[in-house]
Protein backbone atom coordinates (compact mmCIF):
# COMPACT_ATOMS: atom_id res chain seq x y z
CA MET A 1 16.38 -13.25 32.79
CA ALA A 2 13.92 -13.07 29.79
CA HIS A 3 13.57 -16.79 29.92
CA SER A 4 13.05 -16.79 33.63
CA SER A 5 10.27 -14.34 33.41
CA ASN A 6 8.57 -16.17 30.52
CA ILE A 7 8.47 -19.25 32.87
CA PHE A 8 7.12 -17.36 35.68
CA LEU A 9 4.24 -15.75 33.75
CA PHE A 10 3.28 -19.16 32.29
CA ARG A 11 3.13 -20.62 35.80
CA VAL A 12 0.94 -17.77 37.03
CA PHE A 13 -1.21 -18.48 33.96
CA ARG A 14 -1.44 -22.24 34.59
CA GLU A 15 -2.04 -21.87 38.36
CA TYR A 16 -4.66 -19.31 37.90
CA THR A 17 -6.66 -21.17 35.35
CA GLU A 18 -6.28 -24.53 37.38
CA ILE A 19 -7.50 -23.06 40.57
CA THR A 20 -10.38 -21.14 38.85
CA ILE A 21 -11.51 -24.07 36.72
CA GLY A 22 -11.17 -26.64 39.68
CA SER A 23 -13.51 -24.72 41.82
CA CYS A 24 -16.12 -24.65 39.24
CA ASN A 25 -18.58 -27.31 38.17
CA ASP A 26 -18.13 -29.26 34.79
CA HIS A 27 -20.95 -27.10 33.11
CA PHE A 28 -18.51 -23.97 33.07
CA ARG A 29 -15.20 -25.81 32.69
CA ASN A 30 -14.81 -25.43 29.00
CA GLN A 31 -16.10 -21.91 28.89
CA LEU A 32 -13.58 -20.82 31.68
CA ILE A 33 -10.67 -22.50 29.86
CA THR A 34 -11.52 -20.27 26.86
CA LYS A 35 -12.46 -17.17 28.54
CA LYS A 36 -9.92 -17.19 31.45
CA GLY A 37 -7.28 -18.44 29.03
CA LYS A 38 -7.90 -15.45 26.54
CA LEU A 39 -7.91 -12.99 29.26
CA LEU A 40 -4.71 -14.15 30.68
CA LEU A 41 -2.92 -14.75 27.32
CA ILE A 42 -3.48 -11.36 26.26
CA PRO A 43 -1.18 -9.81 29.00
CA LEU A 44 1.05 -12.85 28.88
CA PHE A 45 1.95 -12.26 25.17
CA PHE A 46 1.83 -8.44 25.97
CA PHE A 47 4.54 -8.65 28.58
CA MET A 48 6.72 -10.91 26.28
CA SER A 49 6.51 -8.59 23.38
CA LEU A 50 7.66 -5.72 25.72
CA GLN A 51 10.86 -7.50 26.66
CA ALA A 52 14.19 -6.27 25.15
CA GLN A 53 15.61 -7.80 22.09
CA GLU A 54 19.13 -8.60 22.56
CA LYS A 55 21.67 -9.90 19.97
CA ASN A 56 25.45 -10.59 19.93
CA THR A 57 27.29 -11.00 16.71
CA ASN A 58 31.00 -12.16 16.64
CA TYR A 59 33.55 -11.24 14.01
CA THR A 60 37.12 -12.34 13.43
CA ILE A 61 39.91 -9.70 12.40
CA SER A 62 42.49 -11.00 9.93
CA ARG A 63 45.69 -9.51 8.18
CA ASN A 64 47.37 -11.26 5.22
CA GLY A 65 45.16 -14.46 5.85
CA ASN A 66 46.12 -14.65 9.58
CA VAL A 67 43.67 -14.01 12.42
CA ILE A 68 45.00 -11.20 14.56
CA GLY A 69 41.96 -10.39 16.68
CA GLU A 70 38.25 -10.47 17.35
CA MET A 71 35.34 -8.08 17.55
CA GLN A 72 31.86 -8.35 19.29
CA LEU A 73 28.72 -6.31 18.27
CA TYR A 74 26.04 -6.17 20.86
CA GLN A 75 22.71 -4.72 20.05
CA LYS A 76 19.72 -4.28 22.30
CA VAL A 77 16.32 -2.89 21.15
CA GLU A 78 13.87 -2.04 23.81
CA ASN A 79 10.74 -0.14 22.70
CA ASP A 80 11.90 3.22 21.13
CA LYS A 81 15.40 2.74 22.35
CA MET A 82 18.29 0.97 20.64
CA PHE A 83 21.82 0.33 22.11
CA LEU A 84 24.89 -0.66 20.07
CA LYS A 85 28.31 -1.56 21.53
CA ILE A 86 31.53 -2.76 19.67
CA SER A 87 34.46 -4.19 21.36
CA SER A 88 37.54 -5.27 19.63
CA GLN A 89 41.10 -6.29 20.26
CA VAL A 90 44.00 -6.74 17.92
CA ASN A 91 47.40 -8.15 18.57
CA THR A 92 49.79 -7.91 15.59
CA LYS A 93 53.34 -7.29 14.82
CA MET A 94 54.51 -4.55 12.43
CA VAL A 95 58.06 -2.95 13.31
CA PHE A 96 57.20 -3.99 16.99
CA ASP A 97 54.26 -5.75 18.81
CA VAL A 98 50.96 -3.85 18.72
CA ASP A 99 48.08 -4.36 21.05
CA VAL A 100 44.97 -2.37 20.16
CA LYS A 101 41.72 -2.40 22.16
CA THR A 102 38.76 -0.39 20.99
CA GLU A 103 35.40 0.21 22.48
CA GLU A 104 32.53 2.06 20.71
CA SER A 105 28.98 2.53 21.98
CA SER A 106 25.95 4.23 20.54
CA TYR A 107 22.37 5.02 22.10
CA TYR A 108 19.46 5.85 19.84
CA LYS A 109 15.98 6.93 20.83
CA ASN A 110 13.02 7.26 18.30
CA GLY A 111 15.60 6.65 15.60
CA LYS A 112 17.81 9.58 16.47
CA LEU A 113 21.46 9.21 17.93
CA ILE A 114 21.58 10.57 21.53
CA SER A 115 25.00 9.73 22.41
CA SER A 116 28.01 7.80 21.30
CA TYR A 117 31.65 7.43 22.11
CA VAL A 118 34.83 5.94 20.77
CA LYS A 119 37.85 4.84 23.02
CA ARG A 120 41.13 3.23 21.78
CA HIS A 121 44.04 2.11 23.54
CA VAL A 122 47.33 1.03 21.97
CA ASN A 123 49.76 -1.04 24.05
CA GLY A 124 47.80 0.31 27.11
CA ARG A 125 47.84 3.94 26.34
CA GLU A 126 44.85 5.88 25.31
CA LYS A 127 45.05 7.13 21.97
CA VAL A 128 41.56 8.22 21.01
CA SER A 129 38.66 9.30 23.15
CA LYS A 130 35.81 11.02 21.40
CA SER A 131 32.16 11.50 22.34
CA THR A 132 28.97 12.92 20.72
CA PHE A 133 26.08 14.06 22.92
CA PHE A 134 22.66 15.30 21.82
CA THR A 135 21.85 18.56 23.94
CA ASP A 136 18.86 20.09 22.45
CA PRO A 137 19.02 21.60 19.82
CA HIS A 138 22.57 20.53 18.88
CA TYR A 139 25.15 17.92 19.58
CA LYS A 140 28.04 18.48 21.76
CA ILE A 141 31.14 16.81 20.51
CA ILE A 142 34.37 16.16 22.60
CA ALA A 143 37.69 15.09 21.04
CA GLU A 144 40.57 14.59 23.60
CA LYS A 145 39.04 16.99 26.06
CA LYS A 146 38.29 19.70 23.30
CA GLU A 147 34.62 20.62 22.89
CA GLY A 148 32.64 21.72 19.89
CA PHE A 149 29.22 21.60 18.50
CA PHE A 150 27.37 19.77 15.69
CA LYS A 151 24.06 21.18 14.38
CA GLU A 152 22.73 18.50 12.00
CA PRO A 153 20.52 15.66 13.32
CA ILE A 154 22.12 12.29 13.12
CA TYR A 155 20.12 9.16 12.30
CA TYR A 156 22.71 6.88 10.97
CA ASN A 157 26.25 6.49 12.23
CA LEU A 158 29.19 4.05 11.48
CA MET A 159 28.18 1.60 14.11
CA MET A 160 24.74 1.08 12.33
CA LEU A 161 26.59 -0.20 9.33
CA TYR A 162 27.11 -3.47 11.04
CA SER A 163 23.42 -3.97 11.77
CA LYS A 164 21.61 -2.28 9.03
CA GLU A 165 22.47 -2.04 5.36
CA PRO A 166 22.42 1.56 4.16
CA THR A 167 19.85 0.93 1.44
CA ASN A 168 18.36 4.43 1.48
CA GLN A 169 21.10 6.30 3.03
CA GLN A 170 23.48 8.74 1.25
CA ARG A 171 25.94 9.63 4.03
CA VAL A 172 26.89 8.22 7.45
CA TYR A 173 28.05 9.98 10.65
CA SER A 174 31.52 8.94 11.67
CA ASP A 175 32.06 9.08 15.56
CA SER A 176 35.78 9.03 15.14
CA PHE A 177 36.07 11.97 12.59
CA GLN A 178 32.91 13.58 14.12
CA LYS A 179 31.53 14.43 10.58
CA PHE A 180 29.32 13.03 7.96
CA LEU A 181 30.99 10.82 5.23
CA ALA A 182 29.48 9.99 1.94
CA ILE A 183 28.42 6.46 1.25
CA GLU A 184 29.38 5.13 -2.23
CA LYS A 185 27.55 2.00 -3.73
CA LEU A 186 30.07 -0.36 -5.26
CA ALA A 187 27.78 -3.14 -6.20
CA SER A 188 24.63 -4.83 -4.84
CA HIS A 189 25.04 -4.91 -1.22
CA SER A 190 28.48 -3.44 -1.21
CA TYR A 191 29.44 0.01 -0.19
CA ARG A 192 32.45 2.23 0.30
CA ILE A 193 33.19 4.79 2.92
CA LYS A 194 36.06 7.24 2.07
CA LEU A 195 37.75 8.59 5.15
CA PRO A 196 39.27 12.04 5.57
CA ASP A 197 42.73 10.66 6.23
CA GLY A 198 42.74 9.14 2.76
CA ASN A 199 41.97 5.56 3.69
CA TYR A 200 38.66 3.72 2.82
CA ASN A 201 36.52 1.00 4.19
CA ASP A 202 34.32 -1.45 2.16
CA TYR A 203 31.11 -2.99 3.68
CA HIS A 204 29.60 -6.13 2.25
CA PHE A 205 25.95 -7.23 3.39
CA GLN A 206 23.71 -10.25 3.13
CA ASN A 207 20.14 -10.21 4.31
CA GLY A 208 20.64 -6.65 5.62
CA ILE A 209 23.49 -7.91 8.04
CA CYS A 210 27.26 -6.76 7.60
CA GLN A 211 29.12 -10.00 6.70
CA LYS A 212 32.52 -8.39 5.95
CA VAL A 213 34.41 -5.12 6.29
CA GLU A 214 37.80 -4.43 4.39
CA ILE A 215 39.74 -1.72 5.89
CA HIS A 216 42.16 -0.21 3.46
CA SER A 217 45.20 1.81 4.83
CA SER A 218 48.36 2.90 3.05
CA LEU A 219 50.14 0.59 5.48
CA TYR A 220 47.90 -2.54 5.65
CA THR A 221 44.73 -4.09 4.72
CA ILE A 222 42.46 -5.70 7.51
CA GLN A 223 39.52 -7.82 7.07
CA ILE A 224 36.62 -8.11 9.63
CA GLN A 225 34.55 -11.30 8.81
CA ILE A 226 31.45 -12.43 10.67
CA ALA A 227 32.20 -15.63 12.58
């Protein structure tokens, strides 16, 4: 859609200048190319700059060196709004076959979290359904149909860890646990998030983008690697 609108705007610009210049004598031809071109290039580039910036990033999920699933991160930035969505699917075998589908979404405006949710299905059954909504002056949190409130403003949640390195962040909001968690720096561009259940995740970055996540559980270790 963005590519088509660019072509349309360019055609309007070209046709307008051709008609205008063609109807004038040679004395004004060069001046019109400059003046009309400048006048139309300004709105042309203005509209192009207003178009939403979209990005998709794919990750592979592995356990013990074997690929067991995949994950997609979708990011859209439009003016003062930002949308993030993570979709993942894992198929593995422990005592029995396990199929896990997870979907997470976040919406920011002016750098502040407005809403987010986490949904997880295991073998077709919903196991997790949690939401966080900003309703001025606080957040309304919903966990498995139970409601509560969260007073502190949220500017950085766990989903943001995939798209922005926490260079100046001391803590991060967990949409699953619905609380702030401390960010521990392990090394240059590497960070650890300790979870309330005793597990922890390690995040590794390059050029500000998350390249790998190591999920450490008492039962398993899973790696999420950028494809």
